[in-house]
Amino acid sequence: MCWAAGTLPHTRTHAVVPPYVLAFNASATPDAERRIADALGAGSAVEGPQRLRRAVDAPQTLRDHGFGEAHIEDAVQAILEVVPANNPAP
């Protein structure tokens, strides 16, 4: 599958991205991080989704969808436009 701006497969992308988002925001929201970890029965909020991905053989990286280093700048620009102002980590 080849990536182009805005064409990552929605569901599979959400199998990949949450652990990275959780890792990015965890230090800014330690109480939320702990609640997520507890809800997932994991040692950390990141560990839970990673364990689930492995259990269902879900994609591990965006590279699995054809997203490569050359796409980073376009992706950053697209993401920055939609990051909520109240995201826990700047």
Protein backbone atom coordinates (compact mmCIF):
# COMPACT_ATOMS: atom_id res chain seq x y z
CA MET A 1 0.00 0.00 0.00
CA CYS A 2 1.44 3.37 -0.94
CA TRP A 3 1.08 6.43 1.23
CA ALA A 4 0.14 9.85 -0.03
CA ALA A 5 -1.02 12.84 2.02
CA GLY A 6 -4.34 12.00 3.60
CA THR A 7 -4.54 8.43 2.28
CA LEU A 8 -3.28 6.28 5.12
CA PRO A 9 -5.85 3.57 5.84
CA HIS A 10 -7.88 4.93 8.75
CA THR A 11 -8.36 1.86 10.93
CA ARG A 12 -4.87 0.47 10.41
CA THR A 13 -3.36 3.88 11.12
CA HIS A 14 -5.17 3.87 14.45
CA ALA A 15 -3.61 0.51 15.21
CA VAL A 16 -0.18 2.14 14.84
CA VAL A 17 -0.44 5.69 16.18
CA PRO A 18 -1.95 5.53 19.73
CA PRO A 19 1.10 4.11 21.53
CA TYR A 20 3.22 6.93 20.10
CA VAL A 21 0.65 9.57 21.07
CA LEU A 22 0.38 8.07 24.55
CA ALA A 23 4.17 8.06 24.90
CA PHE A 24 4.35 11.69 23.76
CA ASN A 25 1.69 12.86 26.22
CA ALA A 26 2.37 10.55 29.20
CA SER A 27 4.79 12.80 31.08
CA ALA A 28 2.38 15.75 30.75
CA THR A 29 -0.55 13.72 32.11
CA PRO A 30 0.73 11.16 34.63
CA ASP A 31 -2.70 10.61 36.22
CA ALA A 32 -4.34 9.90 32.86
CA GLU A 33 -1.40 7.71 31.87
CA ARG A 34 -1.87 5.62 35.02
CA ARG A 35 -5.65 5.32 34.49
CA ILE A 36 -5.14 4.15 30.90
CA ALA A 37 -2.52 1.63 32.01
CA ASP A 38 -4.82 0.33 34.74
CA ALA A 39 -7.77 0.07 32.35
CA LEU A 40 -5.64 -1.97 29.95
CA GLY A 41 -4.15 -4.11 32.71
CA ALA A 42 -0.68 -2.98 31.71
CA GLY A 43 2.39 -1.51 33.33
CA SER A 44 2.06 1.65 31.26
CA ALA A 45 -0.40 3.30 28.90
CA VAL A 46 1.95 2.50 26.04
CA GLU A 47 2.35 -1.17 26.90
CA GLY A 48 -1.39 -1.94 26.67
CA PRO A 49 -1.95 -0.98 23.01
CA GLN A 50 1.40 -2.50 22.02
CA ARG A 51 0.41 -5.80 23.60
CA LEU A 52 -2.98 -5.68 21.86
CA ARG A 53 -1.34 -4.94 18.49
CA ARG A 54 0.87 -7.99 18.87
CA ALA A 55 -2.05 -10.18 19.96
CA VAL A 56 -4.08 -9.37 16.85
CA ASP A 57 -1.08 -9.10 14.51
CA ALA A 58 -1.87 -5.45 13.75
CA PRO A 59 0.63 -3.22 11.92
CA GLN A 60 3.42 -1.91 14.12
CA THR A 61 4.63 1.06 12.08
CA LEU A 62 3.39 3.49 9.46
CA ARG A 63 6.14 2.05 7.27
CA ASP A 64 3.90 -1.03 7.05
CA HIS A 65 1.56 1.20 5.01
CA GLY A 66 4.19 2.58 2.66
CA PHE A 67 4.85 5.70 4.74
CA GLY A 68 8.53 6.60 4.52
CA GLU A 69 10.98 9.25 5.58
CA ALA A 70 10.20 11.31 2.48
CA HIS A 71 6.60 11.71 3.74
CA ILE A 72 7.45 13.12 7.17
CA GLU A 73 7.36 16.83 6.29
CA ASP A 74 3.96 16.55 4.59
CA ALA A 75 2.61 14.53 7.51
CA VAL A 76 3.91 17.05 10.07
CA GLN A 77 2.21 19.90 8.24
CA ALA A 78 -1.09 17.99 8.02
CA ILE A 79 -0.98 16.97 11.68
CA LEU A 80 -0.01 20.38 13.06
CA GLU A 81 -3.14 21.84 11.47
CA VAL A 82 -5.39 19.56 13.54
CA VAL A 83 -3.57 19.21 16.88
CA PRO A 84 -5.98 20.48 19.54
CA ALA A 85 -4.82 23.59 21.39
CA ASN A 86 -5.43 21.73 24.66
CA ASN A 87 -3.19 18.75 23.83
CA PRO A 88 -1.47 17.82 27.11
CA ALA A 89 2.09 18.13 25.76
CA PRO A 90 3.08 21.08 23.58
